[in-house]
Amino acid sequence: MSHHESTSEDPVSVTAKSGGSIFLTIAGILLVILIVIFGALMLGNSESPTEKEDAARAAVRTKNLAELQAADAVVLNSSEPDDGFDGGHIPITKAMELIVPILNAKSAAVTTEPSVQKQP
């Protein structure tokens, strides 16, 4: 065999080899797609046990929140005498009626004071 001789393969066998690898590549891609679709369908159709537990816990939390809000409303809208420990309390609406005039007076006093500017 001389150096100038080329060792070329039969064009039909080269095409057959590349066609086989293309087929395997396409088959592999389709298999992966099918596995992903099957997995997504299985996950989408199943209800996990934690979902049931979460729904039950959410119901308990909602009930507890309603009870806390009701208790807060009672405290905010009622009055208790001063027992010496916490100073008692008055209804929130009454507290607002008492504090608004004081705050308005302070605000008016701040805005009516002459501003003193330093001379350079």
N, C-alpha and C. Protein backbone atom coordinates (compact mmCIF):
# COMPACT_ATOMS: atom_id res chain seq x y z
N MET A 1 0.83 -1.16 0.00
CA MET A 1 0.00 0.00 0.00
C MET A 1 0.88 1.24 0.00
N SER A 2 0.61 2.17 -0.83
CA SER A 2 1.44 3.36 -0.91
C SER A 2 0.80 4.46 -0.07
N HIS A 3 1.56 5.48 0.13
CA HIS A 3 1.10 6.59 0.95
C HIS A 3 0.03 7.41 0.27
N HIS A 4 -0.03 7.32 -1.03
CA HIS A 4 -0.99 8.11 -1.77
C HIS A 4 -2.36 7.46 -1.87
N GLU A 5 -2.42 6.21 -1.48
CA GLU A 5 -3.72 5.55 -1.53
C GLU A 5 -4.60 6.06 -0.40
N SER A 6 -5.84 6.33 -0.71
CA SER A 6 -6.74 6.79 0.33
C SER A 6 -7.53 5.61 0.85
N THR A 7 -7.79 5.63 2.10
CA THR A 7 -8.60 4.57 2.71
C THR A 7 -9.97 5.15 2.97
N SER A 8 -10.76 5.22 1.96
CA SER A 8 -12.11 5.75 2.12
C SER A 8 -13.07 4.60 2.33
N GLU A 9 -14.06 4.89 3.13
CA GLU A 9 -15.07 3.88 3.39
C GLU A 9 -16.16 4.00 2.35
N ASP A 10 -16.93 2.97 2.30
CA ASP A 10 -18.05 2.95 1.36
C ASP A 10 -19.05 4.03 1.79
N PRO A 11 -19.51 4.93 0.90
CA PRO A 11 -20.45 5.99 1.28
C PRO A 11 -21.75 5.44 1.87
N VAL A 12 -22.17 4.25 1.46
CA VAL A 12 -23.40 3.68 2.00
C VAL A 12 -23.23 3.32 3.46
N SER A 13 -22.09 2.77 3.84
CA SER A 13 -21.88 2.38 5.24
C SER A 13 -21.75 3.60 6.13
N VAL A 14 -21.14 4.70 5.64
CA VAL A 14 -21.03 5.92 6.43
C VAL A 14 -22.41 6.49 6.69
N THR A 15 -23.27 6.50 5.70
CA THR A 15 -24.63 7.00 5.87
C THR A 15 -25.41 6.13 6.84
N ALA A 16 -25.23 4.84 6.77
CA ALA A 16 -25.94 3.92 7.66
C ALA A 16 -25.51 4.14 9.10
N LYS A 17 -24.21 4.36 9.33
CA LYS A 17 -23.72 4.58 10.68
C LYS A 17 -24.26 5.90 11.25
N SER A 18 -24.23 6.97 10.46
CA SER A 18 -24.72 8.25 10.97
C SER A 18 -26.23 8.22 11.13
N GLY A 19 -26.94 7.51 10.28
CA GLY A 19 -28.39 7.37 10.41
C GLY A 19 -28.75 6.62 11.67
N GLY A 20 -27.97 5.64 12.06
CA GLY A 20 -28.22 4.89 13.29
C GLY A 20 -28.02 5.76 14.52
N SER A 21 -26.99 6.61 14.50
CA SER A 21 -26.76 7.48 15.67
C SER A 21 -27.84 8.55 15.75
N ILE A 22 -28.32 9.05 14.63
CA ILE A 22 -29.42 10.02 14.64
C ILE A 22 -30.68 9.38 15.20
N PHE A 23 -30.94 8.15 14.80
CA PHE A 23 -32.11 7.43 15.30
C PHE A 23 -32.02 7.25 16.82
N LEU A 24 -30.85 6.86 17.32
CA LEU A 24 -30.68 6.68 18.76
C LEU A 24 -30.84 8.01 19.51
N THR A 25 -30.34 9.08 18.93
CA THR A 25 -30.47 10.40 19.56
C THR A 25 -31.93 10.81 19.65
N ILE A 26 -32.66 10.64 18.56
CA ILE A 26 -34.08 11.00 18.55
C ILE A 26 -34.86 10.12 19.52
N ALA A 27 -34.55 8.82 19.52
CA ALA A 27 -35.23 7.90 20.43
C ALA A 27 -34.96 8.28 21.89
N GLY A 28 -33.73 8.67 22.20
CA GLY A 28 -33.37 9.08 23.56
C GLY A 28 -34.10 10.34 23.99
N ILE A 29 -34.18 11.31 23.08
CA ILE A 29 -34.88 12.55 23.39
C ILE A 29 -36.37 12.28 23.63
N LEU A 30 -36.98 11.46 22.78
CA LEU A 30 -38.39 11.13 22.96
C LEU A 30 -38.63 10.39 24.28
N LEU A 31 -37.72 9.52 24.65
CA LEU A 31 -37.84 8.79 25.91
C LEU A 31 -37.78 9.76 27.10
N VAL A 32 -36.86 10.70 27.05
CA VAL A 32 -36.76 11.67 28.14
C VAL A 32 -38.03 12.52 28.22
N ILE A 33 -38.56 12.94 27.08
CA ILE A 33 -39.79 13.73 27.06
C ILE A 33 -40.95 12.93 27.64
N LEU A 34 -41.06 11.67 27.28
CA LEU A 34 -42.14 10.83 27.82
C LEU A 34 -42.02 10.65 29.32
N ILE A 35 -40.80 10.49 29.81
CA ILE A 35 -40.60 10.33 31.26
C ILE A 35 -41.00 11.60 31.99
N VAL A 36 -40.63 12.76 31.44
CA VAL A 36 -40.99 14.03 32.08
C VAL A 36 -42.50 14.21 32.09
N ILE A 37 -43.17 13.93 30.98
CA ILE A 37 -44.63 14.06 30.92
C ILE A 37 -45.31 13.11 31.90
N PHE A 38 -44.85 11.88 31.95
CA PHE A 38 -45.43 10.89 32.86
C PHE A 38 -45.25 11.34 34.31
N GLY A 39 -44.06 11.83 34.64
CA GLY A 39 -43.80 12.30 36.00
C GLY A 39 -44.68 13.47 36.37
N ALA A 40 -44.86 14.40 35.43
CA ALA A 40 -45.71 15.56 35.70
C ALA A 40 -47.16 15.14 35.90
N LEU A 41 -47.63 14.18 35.13
CA LEU A 41 -49.00 13.70 35.29
C LEU A 41 -49.19 12.99 36.63
N MET A 42 -48.20 12.23 37.02
CA MET A 42 -48.31 11.51 38.29
C MET A 42 -48.30 12.50 39.47
N LEU A 43 -47.47 13.51 39.39
CA LEU A 43 -47.41 14.49 40.48
C LEU A 43 -48.66 15.35 40.52
N GLY A 44 -49.21 15.68 39.36
CA GLY A 44 -50.38 16.53 39.30
C GLY A 44 -51.65 15.86 39.79
N ASN A 45 -51.74 14.54 39.69
CA ASN A 45 -52.96 13.83 40.04
C ASN A 45 -52.99 13.33 41.48
N SER A 46 -51.86 13.38 42.15
CA SER A 46 -51.84 12.81 43.50
C SER A 46 -51.98 13.92 44.53
N GLU A 47 -52.74 13.64 45.56
CA GLU A 47 -52.88 14.57 46.67
C GLU A 47 -52.03 14.04 47.81
N SER A 48 -51.11 14.85 48.25
CA SER A 48 -50.21 14.38 49.30
C SER A 48 -50.90 14.46 50.66
N PRO A 49 -50.44 13.65 51.59
CA PRO A 49 -51.03 13.69 52.94
C PRO A 49 -50.82 15.04 53.62
N THR A 50 -49.74 15.74 53.27
CA THR A 50 -49.51 17.03 53.92
C THR A 50 -50.53 18.07 53.48
N GLU A 51 -51.09 17.93 52.27
CA GLU A 51 -52.11 18.88 51.84
C GLU A 51 -53.34 18.78 52.73
N LYS A 52 -53.72 17.57 53.10
CA LYS A 52 -54.86 17.39 54.00
C LYS A 52 -54.55 17.97 55.38
N GLU A 53 -53.32 17.72 55.86
CA GLU A 53 -52.92 18.25 57.16
C GLU A 53 -52.87 19.77 57.13
N ASP A 54 -52.36 20.32 56.03
CA ASP A 54 -52.28 21.78 55.91
C ASP A 54 -53.67 22.41 55.93
N ALA A 55 -54.63 21.78 55.29
CA ALA A 55 -55.99 22.31 55.29
C ALA A 55 -56.57 22.29 56.70
N ALA A 56 -56.32 21.22 57.44
CA ALA A 56 -56.82 21.12 58.81
C ALA A 56 -56.14 22.17 59.70
N ARG A 57 -54.83 22.34 59.54
CA ARG A 57 -54.11 23.33 60.33
C ARG A 57 -54.57 24.73 59.99
N ALA A 58 -54.86 24.98 58.72
CA ALA A 58 -55.34 26.31 58.31
C ALA A 58 -56.68 26.61 58.96
N ALA A 59 -57.54 25.61 59.07
CA ALA A 59 -58.84 25.81 59.70
C ALA A 59 -58.67 26.15 61.18
N VAL A 60 -57.75 25.46 61.86
CA VAL A 60 -57.49 25.74 63.27
C VAL A 60 -56.92 27.14 63.44
N ARG A 61 -55.98 27.51 62.56
CA ARG A 61 -55.38 28.85 62.65
C ARG A 61 -56.43 29.94 62.40
N THR A 62 -57.34 29.71 61.46
CA THR A 62 -58.39 30.68 61.17
C THR A 62 -59.31 30.85 62.38
N LYS A 63 -59.65 29.73 63.02
CA LYS A 63 -60.51 29.78 64.22
C LYS A 63 -59.78 30.52 65.34
N ASN A 64 -58.51 30.23 65.55
CA ASN A 64 -57.74 30.90 66.60
C ASN A 64 -57.63 32.39 66.34
N LEU A 65 -57.43 32.77 65.08
CA LEU A 65 -57.33 34.18 64.73
C LEU A 65 -58.64 34.90 65.02
N ALA A 66 -59.76 34.28 64.69
CA ALA A 66 -61.07 34.89 64.96
C ALA A 66 -61.27 35.08 66.46
N GLU A 67 -60.86 34.10 67.26
CA GLU A 67 -60.99 34.22 68.72
C GLU A 67 -60.12 35.35 69.25
N LEU A 68 -58.89 35.48 68.74
CA LEU A 68 -58.00 36.55 69.18
C LEU A 68 -58.55 37.92 68.80
N GLN A 69 -59.07 38.03 67.59
CA GLN A 69 -59.64 39.30 67.15
C GLN A 69 -60.86 39.68 67.98
N ALA A 70 -61.67 38.71 68.36
CA ALA A 70 -62.84 38.98 69.20
C ALA A 70 -62.40 39.45 70.59
N ALA A 71 -61.37 38.80 71.13
CA ALA A 71 -60.86 39.20 72.45
C ALA A 71 -60.26 40.60 72.39
N ASP A 72 -59.54 40.91 71.31
CA ASP A 72 -58.97 42.25 71.15
C ASP A 72 -60.06 43.30 71.08
N ALA A 73 -61.12 43.00 70.35
CA ALA A 73 -62.22 43.96 70.21
C ALA A 73 -62.86 44.25 71.56
N VAL A 74 -63.00 43.23 72.40
CA VAL A 74 -63.58 43.42 73.73
C VAL A 74 -62.70 44.35 74.54
N VAL A 75 -61.38 44.12 74.51
CA VAL A 75 -60.46 44.94 75.30
C VAL A 75 -60.42 46.36 74.77
N LEU A 76 -60.38 46.51 73.44
CA LEU A 76 -60.28 47.86 72.85
C LEU A 76 -61.54 48.70 73.07
N ASN A 77 -62.68 48.06 73.23
CA ASN A 77 -63.94 48.79 73.34
C ASN A 77 -64.53 48.77 74.73
N SER A 78 -63.76 48.39 75.72
CA SER A 78 -64.27 48.36 77.09
C SER A 78 -63.34 49.17 77.97
N SER A 79 -63.78 49.37 79.19
CA SER A 79 -62.92 50.08 80.14
C SER A 79 -62.83 49.26 81.42
N GLU A 80 -61.69 49.40 82.07
CA GLU A 80 -61.48 48.73 83.35
C GLU A 80 -60.93 49.75 84.33
N PRO A 81 -61.29 49.62 85.58
CA PRO A 81 -60.78 50.58 86.57
C PRO A 81 -59.28 50.35 86.80
N ASP A 82 -58.64 51.38 87.29
CA ASP A 82 -57.22 51.29 87.62
C ASP A 82 -57.05 50.38 88.82
N ASP A 83 -56.37 49.26 88.62
CA ASP A 83 -56.17 48.32 89.73
C ASP A 83 -54.80 48.49 90.38
N GLY A 84 -54.04 49.51 89.94
CA GLY A 84 -52.75 49.76 90.55
C GLY A 84 -51.60 49.03 89.86
N PHE A 85 -51.89 48.03 89.06
CA PHE A 85 -50.81 47.29 88.42
C PHE A 85 -50.55 47.77 86.99
N ASP A 86 -51.58 47.78 86.17
CA ASP A 86 -51.37 48.17 84.78
C ASP A 86 -52.03 49.51 84.44
N GLY A 87 -52.62 50.14 85.41
CA GLY A 87 -53.20 51.46 85.18
C GLY A 87 -54.58 51.44 84.58
N GLY A 88 -55.17 50.30 84.36
CA GLY A 88 -56.50 50.22 83.76
C GLY A 88 -56.46 50.67 82.31
N HIS A 89 -57.63 50.73 81.70
CA HIS A 89 -57.67 51.22 80.33
C HIS A 89 -59.06 51.73 80.00
N ILE A 90 -59.11 52.54 78.95
CA ILE A 90 -60.38 53.09 78.47
C ILE A 90 -60.59 52.63 77.03
N PRO A 91 -61.80 52.72 76.53
CA PRO A 91 -62.03 52.31 75.15
C PRO A 91 -61.19 53.13 74.17
N ILE A 92 -60.79 52.53 73.10
CA ILE A 92 -59.90 53.17 72.13
C ILE A 92 -60.53 54.42 71.54
N THR A 93 -61.84 54.40 71.30
CA THR A 93 -62.49 55.59 70.73
C THR A 93 -62.42 56.76 71.70
N LYS A 94 -62.59 56.49 72.98
CA LYS A 94 -62.49 57.54 74.01
C LYS A 94 -61.06 58.06 74.10
N ALA A 95 -60.09 57.17 74.00
CA ALA A 95 -58.68 57.59 74.05
C ALA A 95 -58.36 58.50 72.87
N MET A 96 -58.89 58.19 71.70
CA MET A 96 -58.65 59.04 70.53
C MET A 96 -59.30 60.39 70.72
N GLU A 97 -60.51 60.43 71.27
CA GLU A 97 -61.19 61.70 71.52
C GLU A 97 -60.39 62.57 72.49
N LEU A 98 -59.73 61.93 73.44
CA LEU A 98 -58.96 62.69 74.44
C LEU A 98 -57.61 63.16 73.88
N ILE A 99 -56.98 62.37 73.07
CA ILE A 99 -55.61 62.68 72.64
C ILE A 99 -55.55 63.61 71.43
N VAL A 100 -56.57 63.58 70.56
CA VAL A 100 -56.53 64.40 69.34
C VAL A 100 -56.43 65.89 69.66
N PRO A 101 -57.22 66.43 70.58
CA PRO A 101 -57.06 67.87 70.89
C PRO A 101 -55.67 68.21 71.42
N ILE A 102 -55.09 67.32 72.20
CA ILE A 102 -53.74 67.57 72.74
C ILE A 102 -52.72 67.60 71.60
N LEU A 103 -52.83 66.64 70.69
CA LEU A 103 -51.90 66.59 69.56
C LEU A 103 -52.09 67.79 68.64
N ASN A 104 -53.33 68.19 68.43
CA ASN A 104 -53.59 69.36 67.59
C ASN A 104 -52.99 70.62 68.22
N ALA A 105 -53.10 70.74 69.53
CA ALA A 105 -52.55 71.91 70.23
C ALA A 105 -51.03 71.92 70.11
N LYS A 106 -50.40 70.78 70.26
CA LYS A 106 -48.94 70.72 70.12
C LYS A 106 -48.52 71.05 68.70
N SER A 107 -49.25 70.54 67.73
CA SER A 107 -48.94 70.81 66.33
C SER A 107 -49.08 72.29 66.02
N ALA A 108 -50.13 72.91 66.55
CA ALA A 108 -50.35 74.33 66.32
C ALA A 108 -49.24 75.15 66.98
N ALA A 109 -48.80 74.75 68.16
CA ALA A 109 -47.75 75.48 68.87
C ALA A 109 -46.43 75.39 68.10
N VAL A 110 -46.15 74.28 67.51
CA VAL A 110 -44.90 74.11 66.76
C VAL A 110 -44.92 74.96 65.50
N THR A 111 -46.06 75.02 64.83
CA THR A 111 -46.13 75.76 63.56
C THR A 111 -46.21 77.26 63.78
N THR A 112 -46.64 77.74 64.97
CA THR A 112 -46.78 79.17 65.19
C THR A 112 -45.53 79.78 65.83
N GLU A 113 -44.60 78.99 66.29
CA GLU A 113 -43.36 79.53 66.88
C GLU A 113 -42.56 80.21 65.79
N PRO A 114 -42.03 81.39 66.08
CA PRO A 114 -41.21 82.06 65.07
C PRO A 114 -39.92 81.28 64.84
N SER A 115 -39.55 81.20 63.62
CA SER A 115 -38.31 80.48 63.32
C SER A 115 -37.15 81.43 63.51
N VAL A 116 -36.18 80.94 64.19
CA VAL A 116 -34.99 81.75 64.48
C VAL A 116 -33.90 81.29 63.52
N GLN A 117 -33.40 82.24 62.74
CA GLN A 117 -32.33 81.90 61.81
C GLN A 117 -31.08 82.61 62.26
N LYS A 118 -29.97 81.92 62.17
CA LYS A 118 -28.69 82.49 62.56
C LYS A 118 -28.16 83.33 61.42
N GLN A 119 -27.60 84.47 61.79
CA GLN A 119 -26.97 85.33 60.79
C GLN A 119 -25.56 84.82 60.52
N PRO A 120 -25.16 84.76 59.26
CA PRO A 120 -23.79 84.29 58.99
C PRO A 120 -22.72 85.28 59.39
